[in-house]
PDB file of N, CA and C in Angstrom:
ATOM      1  N   UNK A   1     -12.192  -0.508-104.695  1.00  0.00           N
ATOM      2  CA  UNK A   1     -12.621   0.210-105.861  1.00  0.00           C
ATOM      3  C   UNK A   1     -11.529   1.199-106.249  1.00  0.00           C
ATOM      4  N   UNK A   2     -11.215   1.271-107.528  1.00  0.00           N
ATOM      5  CA  UNK A   2     -10.195   2.193-108.004  1.00  0.00           C
ATOM      6  C   UNK A   2     -10.676   3.626-107.967  1.00  0.00           C
ATOM      7  N   UNK A   3      -9.720   4.510-108.020  1.00  0.00           N
ATOM      8  CA  UNK A   3     -10.060   5.928-108.012  1.00  0.00           C
ATOM      9  C   UNK A   3     -10.452   6.333-109.425  1.00  0.00           C
ATOM     10  N   UNK A   4     -11.673   6.812-109.597  1.00  0.00           N
ATOM     11  CA  UNK A   4     -12.161   7.186-110.916  1.00  0.00           C
ATOM     12  C   UNK A   4     -11.873   8.639-111.232  1.00  0.00           C
ATOM     13  N   UNK A   5     -12.061   8.980-112.468  1.00  0.00           N
ATOM     14  CA  UNK A   5     -11.903  10.356-112.914  1.00  0.00           C
ATOM     15  C   UNK A   5     -13.206  11.107-112.687  1.00  0.00           C
ATOM     16  N   UNK A   6     -13.096  12.368-112.370  1.00  0.00           N
ATOM     17  CA  UNK A   6     -14.267  13.211-112.224  1.00  0.00           C
ATOM     18  C   UNK A   6     -14.635  13.742-113.599  1.00  0.00           C
ATOM     19  N   UNK A   7     -15.841  13.435-114.034  1.00  0.00           N
ATOM     20  CA  UNK A   7     -16.318  13.915-115.323  1.00  0.00           C
ATOM     21  C   UNK A   7     -17.273  15.073-115.101  1.00  0.00           C
ATOM     22  N   UNK A   8     -17.082  16.127-115.834  1.00  0.00           N
ATOM     23  CA  UNK A   8     -17.978  17.261-115.777  1.00  0.00           C
ATOM     24  C   UNK A   8     -18.678  17.355-117.124  1.00  0.00           C
ATOM     25  N   UNK A   9     -19.987  17.229-117.083  1.00  0.00           N
ATOM     26  CA  UNK A   9     -20.788  17.274-118.293  1.00  0.00           C
ATOM     27  C   UNK A   9     -21.473  18.631-118.372  1.00  0.00           C
ATOM     28  N   UNK A  10     -21.303  19.329-119.448  1.00  0.00           N
ATOM     29  CA  UNK A  10     -21.931  20.654-119.545  1.00  0.00           C
ATOM     30  C   UNK A  10     -23.433  20.546-119.799  1.00  0.00           C
ATOM     31  N   UNK A  11     -24.160  21.537-119.322  1.00  0.00           N
ATOM     32  CA  UNK A  11     -25.585  21.627-119.655  1.00  0.00           C
ATOM     33  C   UNK A  11     -25.708  22.077-121.109  1.00  0.00           C
ATOM     34  N   UNK A  12     -26.666  21.539-121.805  1.00  0.00           N
ATOM     35  CA  UNK A  12     -26.978  21.989-123.155  1.00  0.00           C
ATOM     36  C   UNK A  12     -27.960  23.141-123.051  1.00  0.00           C
ATOM     37  N   UNK A  13     -27.944  24.050-123.972  1.00  0.00           N
ATOM     38  CA  UNK A  13     -28.877  25.181-123.897  1.00  0.00           C
ATOM     39  C   UNK A  13     -30.323  24.698-123.747  1.00  0.00           C
ATOM     40  N   UNK A  14     -30.980  25.173-122.693  1.00  0.00           N
ATOM     41  CA  UNK A  14     -32.373  24.799-122.452  1.00  0.00           C
ATOM     42  C   UNK A  14     -32.555  23.500-121.679  1.00  0.00           C
ATOM     43  N   UNK A  15     -31.457  22.831-121.310  1.00  0.00           N
ATOM     44  CA  UNK A  15     -31.534  21.553-120.602  1.00  0.00           C
ATOM     45  C   UNK A  15     -30.594  21.557-119.400  1.00  0.00           C
ATOM     46  N   UNK A  16     -30.882  20.691-118.439  1.00  0.00           N
ATOM     47  CA  UNK A  16     -29.985  20.469-117.311  1.00  0.00           C
ATOM     48  C   UNK A  16     -29.471  19.040-117.433  1.00  0.00           C
ATOM     49  N   UNK A  17     -28.174  18.880-117.429  1.00  0.00           N
ATOM     50  CA  UNK A  17     -27.573  17.560-117.536  1.00  0.00           C
ATOM     51  C   UNK A  17     -27.502  16.926-116.147  1.00  0.00           C
ATOM     52  N   UNK A  18     -28.009  15.709-116.023  1.00  0.00           N
ATOM     53  CA  UNK A  18     -27.967  14.971-114.769  1.00  0.00           C
ATOM     54  C   UNK A  18     -27.000  13.807-114.898  1.00  0.00           C
ATOM     55  N   UNK A  19     -26.295  13.511-113.833  1.00  0.00           N
ATOM     56  CA  UNK A  19     -25.377  12.375-113.787  1.00  0.00           C
ATOM     57  C   UNK A  19     -26.088  11.270-112.996  1.00  0.00           C
ATOM     58  N   UNK A  20     -26.372  10.145-113.670  1.00  0.00           N
ATOM     59  CA  UNK A  20     -27.199   9.091-113.078  1.00  0.00           C
ATOM     60  C   UNK A  20     -26.604   7.714-113.323  1.00  0.00           C
ATOM     61  N   UNK A  21     -26.977   6.772-112.468  1.00  0.00           N
ATOM     62  CA  UNK A  21     -26.648   5.362-112.669  1.00  0.00           C
ATOM     63  C   UNK A  21     -27.966   4.605-112.592  1.00  0.00           C
ATOM     64  N   UNK A  22     -28.415   4.093-113.722  1.00  0.00           N
ATOM     65  CA  UNK A  22     -29.720   3.438-113.796  1.00  0.00           C
ATOM     66  C   UNK A  22     -29.647   1.916-113.697  1.00  0.00           C
ATOM     67  N   UNK A  23     -28.515   1.387-113.222  1.00  0.00           N
ATOM     68  CA  UNK A  23     -28.406  -0.067-113.099  1.00  0.00           C
ATOM     69  C   UNK A  23     -27.489  -0.410-111.928  1.00  0.00           C
ATOM     70  N   UNK A  24     -28.087  -0.565-110.741  1.00  0.00           N
ATOM     71  CA  UNK A  24     -27.330  -0.964-109.559  1.00  0.00           C
ATOM     72  C   UNK A  24     -28.023  -2.143-108.893  1.00  0.00           C
ATOM     73  N   UNK A  25     -27.255  -2.918-108.140  1.00  0.00           N
ATOM     74  CA  UNK A  25     -27.798  -4.066-107.421  1.00  0.00           C
ATOM     75  C   UNK A  25     -27.363  -4.001-105.964  1.00  0.00           C
ATOM     76  N   UNK A  26     -28.162  -4.615-105.097  1.00  0.00           N
ATOM     77  CA  UNK A  26     -27.852  -4.666-103.675  1.00  0.00           C
ATOM     78  C   UNK A  26     -27.748  -6.118-103.234  1.00  0.00           C
ATOM     79  N   UNK A  27     -27.547  -6.298-101.958  1.00  0.00           N
ATOM     80  CA  UNK A  27     -27.438  -7.635-101.367  1.00  0.00           C
ATOM     81  C   UNK A  27     -28.714  -8.456-101.558  1.00  0.00           C
ATOM     82  N   UNK A  28     -29.823  -7.772-101.870  1.00  0.00           N
ATOM     83  CA  UNK A  28     -31.087  -8.471-102.076  1.00  0.00           C
ATOM     84  C   UNK A  28     -31.167  -9.129-103.448  1.00  0.00           C
ATOM     85  N   UNK A  29     -30.118  -9.012-104.227  1.00  0.00           N
ATOM     86  CA  UNK A  29     -30.044  -9.629-105.546  1.00  0.00           C
ATOM     87  C   UNK A  29     -28.608 -10.116-105.722  1.00  0.00           C
ATOM     88  N   UNK A  30     -27.960  -9.732-106.786  1.00  0.00           N
ATOM     89  CA  UNK A  30     -26.588 -10.187-107.014  1.00  0.00           C
ATOM     90  C   UNK A  30     -25.548  -9.108-106.717  1.00  0.00           C
ATOM     91  N   UNK A  31     -25.909  -8.144-105.884  1.00  0.00           N
ATOM     92  CA  UNK A  31     -24.953  -7.143-105.424  1.00  0.00           C
ATOM     93  C   UNK A  31     -24.316  -7.590-104.121  1.00  0.00           C
ATOM     94  N   UNK A  32     -23.367  -6.822-103.656  1.00  0.00           N
ATOM     95  CA  UNK A  32     -22.633  -7.188-102.447  1.00  0.00           C
ATOM     96  C   UNK A  32     -22.861  -6.239-101.276  1.00  0.00           C
ATOM     97  N   UNK A  33     -23.672  -5.199-101.465  1.00  0.00           N
ATOM     98  CA  UNK A  33     -23.830  -4.196-100.411  1.00  0.00           C
ATOM     99  C   UNK A  33     -25.297  -3.868-100.166  1.00  0.00           C
ATOM    100  N   UNK A  34     -25.552  -3.246 -99.004  1.00  0.00           N
ATOM    101  CA  UNK A  34     -26.895  -2.809 -98.634  1.00  0.00           C
ATOM    102  C   UNK A  34     -27.289  -1.586 -99.454  1.00  0.00           C
ATOM    103  N   UNK A  35     -28.580  -1.327 -99.587  1.00  0.00           N
ATOM    104  CA  UNK A  35     -29.038  -0.145-100.326  1.00  0.00           C
ATOM    105  C   UNK A  35     -28.458   1.155 -99.772  1.00  0.00           C
ATOM    106  N   UNK A  36     -28.249   1.215 -98.466  1.00  0.00           N
ATOM    107  CA  UNK A  36     -27.685   2.426 -97.868  1.00  0.00           C
ATOM    108  C   UNK A  36     -26.287   2.705 -98.403  1.00  0.00           C
ATOM    109  N   UNK A  37     -25.541   1.661 -98.686  1.00  0.00           N
ATOM    110  CA  UNK A  37     -24.196   1.825 -99.250  1.00  0.00           C
ATOM    111  C   UNK A  37     -24.297   2.362-100.674  1.00  0.00           C
ATOM    112  N   UNK A  38     -25.258   1.872-101.442  1.00  0.00           N
ATOM    113  CA  UNK A  38     -25.450   2.384-102.810  1.00  0.00           C
ATOM    114  C   UNK A  38     -25.753   3.881-102.784  1.00  0.00           C
ATOM    115  N   UNK A  39     -26.556   4.321-101.818  1.00  0.00           N
ATOM    116  CA  UNK A  39     -26.863   5.746-101.704  1.00  0.00           C
ATOM    117  C   UNK A  39     -25.601   6.526-101.367  1.00  0.00           C
ATOM    118  N   UNK A  40     -24.822   6.025-100.419  1.00  0.00           N
ATOM    119  CA  UNK A  40     -23.575   6.702-100.052  1.00  0.00           C
ATOM    120  C   UNK A  40     -22.611   6.762-101.230  1.00  0.00           C
ATOM    121  N   UNK A  41     -22.552   5.689-102.016  1.00  0.00           N
ATOM    122  CA  UNK A  41     -21.698   5.696-103.212  1.00  0.00           C
ATOM    123  C   UNK A  41     -22.157   6.756-104.210  1.00  0.00           C
ATOM    124  N   UNK A  42     -23.465   6.852-104.395  1.00  0.00           N
ATOM    125  CA  UNK A  42     -24.003   7.840-105.338  1.00  0.00           C
ATOM    126  C   UNK A  42     -23.687   9.259-104.879  1.00  0.00           C
ATOM    127  N   UNK A  43     -23.841   9.508-103.582  1.00  0.00           N
ATOM    128  CA  UNK A  43     -23.516  10.831-103.049  1.00  0.00           C
ATOM    129  C   UNK A  43     -22.030  11.124-103.207  1.00  0.00           C
ATOM    130  N   UNK A  44     -21.199  10.143-102.892  1.00  0.00           N
ATOM    131  CA  UNK A  44     -19.748  10.301-103.019  1.00  0.00           C
ATOM    132  C   UNK A  44     -19.341  10.602-104.459  1.00  0.00           C
ATOM    133  N   UNK A  45     -20.019   9.933-105.397  1.00  0.00           N
ATOM    134  CA  UNK A  45     -19.681  10.079-106.813  1.00  0.00           C
ATOM    135  C   UNK A  45     -20.364  11.272-107.474  1.00  0.00           C
ATOM    136  N   UNK A  46     -21.153  12.005-106.702  1.00  0.00           N
ATOM    137  CA  UNK A  46     -21.808  13.191-107.239  1.00  0.00           C
ATOM    138  C   UNK A  46     -22.957  12.903-108.191  1.00  0.00           C
ATOM    139  N   UNK A  47     -23.608  11.753-108.012  1.00  0.00           N
ATOM    140  CA  UNK A  47     -24.731  11.416-108.885  1.00  0.00           C
ATOM    141  C   UNK A  47     -25.983  12.178-108.480  1.00  0.00           C
ATOM    142  N   UNK A  48     -26.812  12.467-109.453  1.00  0.00           N
ATOM    143  CA  UNK A  48     -28.089  13.124-109.206  1.00  0.00           C
ATOM    144  C   UNK A  48     -29.205  12.119-108.960  1.00  0.00           C
ATOM    145  N   UNK A  49     -29.059  10.908-109.472  1.00  0.00           N
ATOM    146  CA  UNK A  49     -30.097   9.882-109.314  1.00  0.00           C
ATOM    147  C   UNK A  49     -29.487   8.497-109.509  1.00  0.00           C
ATOM    148  N   UNK A  50     -30.095   7.515-108.850  1.00  0.00           N
ATOM    149  CA  UNK A  50     -29.742   6.112-109.089  1.00  0.00           C
ATOM    150  C   UNK A  50     -31.031   5.310-109.189  1.00  0.00           C
ATOM    151  N   UNK A  51     -30.919   4.140-109.786  1.00  0.00           N
ATOM    152  CA  UNK A  51     -32.013   3.172-109.803  1.00  0.00           C
ATOM    153  C   UNK A  51     -31.463   1.865-109.250  1.00  0.00           C
ATOM    154  N   UNK A  52     -32.128   1.338-108.247  1.00  0.00           N
ATOM    155  CA  UNK A  52     -31.746   0.020-107.729  1.00  0.00           C
ATOM    156  C   UNK A  52     -32.555  -0.998-108.513  1.00  0.00           C
ATOM    157  N   UNK A  53     -31.864  -1.840-109.248  1.00  0.00           N
ATOM    158  CA  UNK A  53     -32.517  -2.750-110.190  1.00  0.00           C
ATOM    159  C   UNK A  53     -32.278  -4.206-109.801  1.00  0.00           C
ATOM    160  N   UNK A  54     -32.600  -4.539-108.553  1.00  0.00           N
ATOM    161  CA  UNK A  54     -32.420  -5.912-108.089  1.00  0.00           C
ATOM    162  C   UNK A  54     -33.292  -6.879-108.880  1.00  0.00           C
ATOM    163  N   UNK A  55     -32.776  -8.074-109.071  1.00  0.00           N
ATOM    164  CA  UNK A  55     -33.504  -9.118-109.788  1.00  0.00           C
ATOM    165  C   UNK A  55     -34.534  -9.764-108.868  1.00  0.00           C
ATOM    166  N   UNK A  56     -35.742  -9.934-109.349  1.00  0.00           N
ATOM    167  CA  UNK A  56     -36.770 -10.599-108.552  1.00  0.00           C
ATOM    168  C   UNK A  56     -36.562 -12.109-108.504  1.00  0.00           C
ATOM    169  N   UNK A  57     -36.031 -12.653-109.583  1.00  0.00           N
ATOM    170  CA  UNK A  57     -35.919 -14.107-109.680  1.00  0.00           C
ATOM    171  C   UNK A  57     -34.607 -14.657-109.127  1.00  0.00           C
ATOM    172  N   UNK A  58     -33.702 -13.779-108.723  1.00  0.00           N
ATOM    173  CA  UNK A  58     -32.391 -14.229-108.255  1.00  0.00           C
ATOM    174  C   UNK A  58     -32.136 -13.697-106.853  1.00  0.00           C
ATOM    175  N   UNK A  59     -32.218 -14.573-105.865  1.00  0.00           N
ATOM    176  CA  UNK A  59     -32.026 -14.192-104.466  1.00  0.00           C
ATOM    177  C   UNK A  59     -31.026 -15.150-103.823  1.00  0.00           C
ATOM    178  N   UNK A  60     -29.726 -14.966-104.118  1.00  0.00           N
ATOM    179  CA  UNK A  60     -28.716 -15.914-103.654  1.00  0.00           C
ATOM    180  C   UNK A  60     -28.522 -15.933-102.139  1.00  0.00           C
ATOM    181  N   UNK A  61     -29.001 -14.924-101.429  1.00  0.00           N
ATOM    182  CA  UNK A  61     -28.801 -14.857 -99.981  1.00  0.00           C
ATOM    183  C   UNK A  61     -30.076 -15.157 -99.201  1.00  0.00           C
ATOM    184  N   UNK A  62     -31.044 -15.805 -99.864  1.00  0.00           N
ATOM    185  CA  UNK A  62     -32.351 -16.019 -99.233  1.00  0.00           C
ATOM    186  C   UNK A  62     -32.280 -16.879 -97.976  1.00  0.00           C
ATOM    187  N   UNK A  63     -31.217 -17.673 -97.817  1.00  0.00           N
ATOM    188  CA  UNK A  63     -31.077 -18.476 -96.603  1.00  0.00           C
ATOM    189  C   UNK A  63     -30.684 -17.605 -95.405  1.00  0.00           C
ATOM    190  N   UNK A  64     -30.168 -16.408 -95.679  1.00  0.00           N
ATOM    191  CA  UNK A  64     -29.702 -15.526 -94.615  1.00  0.00           C
ATOM    192  C   UNK A  64     -30.522 -14.245 -94.495  1.00  0.00           C
ATOM    193  N   UNK A  65     -31.114 -13.819 -95.614  1.00  0.00           N
ATOM    194  CA  UNK A  65     -31.886 -12.579 -95.651  1.00  0.00           C
ATOM    195  C   UNK A  65     -33.276 -12.918 -96.182  1.00  0.00           C
ATOM    196  N   UNK A  66     -34.325 -12.627 -95.408  1.00  0.00           N
ATOM    197  CA  UNK A  66     -35.680 -12.937 -95.892  1.00  0.00           C
ATOM    198  C   UNK A  66     -35.975 -12.231 -97.221  1.00  0.00           C
ATOM    199  N   UNK A  67     -36.685 -12.899 -98.095  1.00  0.00           N
ATOM    200  CA  UNK A  67     -37.029 -12.327 -99.394  1.00  0.00           C
ATOM    201  C   UNK A  67     -38.176 -11.333 -99.207  1.00  0.00           C
ATOM    202  N   UNK A  68     -37.887 -10.094 -99.517  1.00  0.00           N
ATOM    203  CA  UNK A  68     -38.884  -9.017 -99.513  1.00  0.00           C
ATOM    204  C   UNK A  68     -38.538  -8.172-100.728  1.00  0.00           C
ATOM    205  N   UNK A  69     -39.347  -8.260-101.756  1.00  0.00           N
ATOM    206  CA  UNK A  69     -39.026  -7.592-103.015  1.00  0.00           C
ATOM    207  C   UNK A  69     -38.982  -6.064-102.900  1.00  0.00           C
ATOM    208  N   UNK A  70     -39.497  -5.527-101.821  1.00  0.00           N
ATOM    209  CA  UNK A  70     -39.473  -4.079-101.607  1.00  0.00           C
ATOM    210  C   UNK A  70     -38.441  -3.658-100.571  1.00  0.00           C
ATOM    211  N   UNK A  71     -37.638  -4.577-100.085  1.00  0.00           N
ATOM    212  CA  UNK A  71     -36.691  -4.274 -99.007  1.00  0.00           C
ATOM    213  C   UNK A  71     -35.717  -3.171 -99.385  1.00  0.00           C
ATOM    214  N   UNK A  72     -35.142  -3.216-100.577  1.00  0.00           N
ATOM    215  CA  UNK A  72     -34.166  -2.193-100.978  1.00  0.00           C
ATOM    216  C   UNK A  72     -34.819  -0.817-100.978  1.00  0.00           C
ATOM    217  N   UNK A  73     -36.039  -0.733-101.459  1.00  0.00           N
ATOM    218  CA  UNK A  73     -36.759   0.545-101.495  1.00  0.00           C
ATOM    219  C   UNK A  73     -37.057   1.030-100.082  1.00  0.00           C
ATOM    220  N   UNK A  74     -37.526   0.117 -99.223  1.00  0.00           N
ATOM    221  CA  UNK A  74     -37.852   0.495 -97.848  1.00  0.00           C
ATOM    222  C   UNK A  74     -36.625   1.011 -97.111  1.00  0.00           C
ATOM    223  N   UNK A  75     -35.522   0.317 -97.237  1.00  0.00           N
ATOM    224  CA  UNK A  75     -34.285   0.694 -96.549  1.00  0.00           C
ATOM    225  C   UNK A  75     -33.715   1.984 -97.116  1.00  0.00           C
ATOM    226  N   UNK A  76     -33.648   2.084 -98.439  1.00  0.00           N
ATOM    227  CA  UNK A  76     -33.059   3.286 -99.049  1.00  0.00           C
ATOM    228  C   UNK A  76     -33.939   4.503 -98.817  1.00  0.00           C
ATOM    229  N   UNK A  77     -35.250   4.324 -98.812  1.00  0.00           N
ATOM    230  CA  UNK A  77     -36.153   5.448 -98.567  1.00  0.00           C
ATOM    231  C   UNK A  77     -35.932   6.056 -97.199  1.00  0.00           C
ATOM    232  N   UNK A  78     -35.794   5.227 -96.172  1.00  0.00           N
ATOM    233  CA  UNK A  78     -35.533   5.715 -94.826  1.00  0.00           C
ATOM    234  C   UNK A  78     -34.190   6.431 -94.764  1.00  0.00           C
ATOM    235  N   UNK A  79     -33.201   5.873 -95.449  1.00  0.00           N
ATOM    236  CA  UNK A  79     -31.862   6.469 -95.458  1.00  0.00           C
ATOM    237  C   UNK A  79     -31.876   7.830 -96.141  1.00  0.00           C
ATOM    238  N   UNK A  80     -32.598   7.948 -97.249  1.00  0.00           N
ATOM    239  CA  UNK A  80     -32.660   9.224 -97.971  1.00  0.00           C
ATOM    240  C   UNK A  80     -33.345  10.286 -97.117  1.00  0.00           C
ATOM    241  N   UNK A  81     -34.389   9.915 -96.404  1.00  0.00           N
ATOM    242  CA  UNK A  81     -35.064  10.881 -95.535  1.00  0.00           C
ATOM    243  C   UNK A  81     -34.125  11.358 -94.424  1.00  0.00           C
ATOM    244  N   UNK A  82     -33.360  10.412 -93.872  1.00  0.00           N
ATOM    245  CA  UNK A  82     -32.419  10.749 -92.804  1.00  0.00           C
ATOM    246  C   UNK A  82     -31.347  11.721 -93.309  1.00  0.00           C
ATOM    247  N   UNK A  83     -30.923  11.537 -94.552  1.00  0.00           N
ATOM    248  CA  UNK A  83     -29.884  12.393 -95.142  1.00  0.00           C
ATOM    249  C   UNK A  83     -30.473  13.630 -95.817  1.00  0.00           C
ATOM    250  N   UNK A  84     -31.805  13.728 -95.785  1.00  0.00           N
ATOM    251  CA  UNK A  84     -32.516  14.852 -96.392  1.00  0.00           C
ATOM    252  C   UNK A  84     -32.209  15.022 -97.878  1.00  0.00           C
ATOM    253  N   UNK A  85     -32.286  13.891 -98.596  1.00  0.00           N
ATOM    254  CA  UNK A  85     -32.099  13.939-100.047  1.00  0.00           C
ATOM    255  C   UNK A  85     -33.322  13.368-100.734  1.00  0.00           C
TER     256      UNK A  85
END
């Protein structure tokens, strides 16, 4: 992954600006990494929130990883508790 620029977004009067990524995928869909890696990436990039948006109908690794549509949530939830976020 290339080195990105750090963007600083100012708060607007009366609002708090959040830095978020609302479209990420994990190994349970067409992504290449575990949900824990997505969380680490978000923390590294200074994000306030992410959404894991794995596809329900596309499971290219089903021969190696059992299909559990809640797996990314279960794994990331445990990781977030461990990191106290």
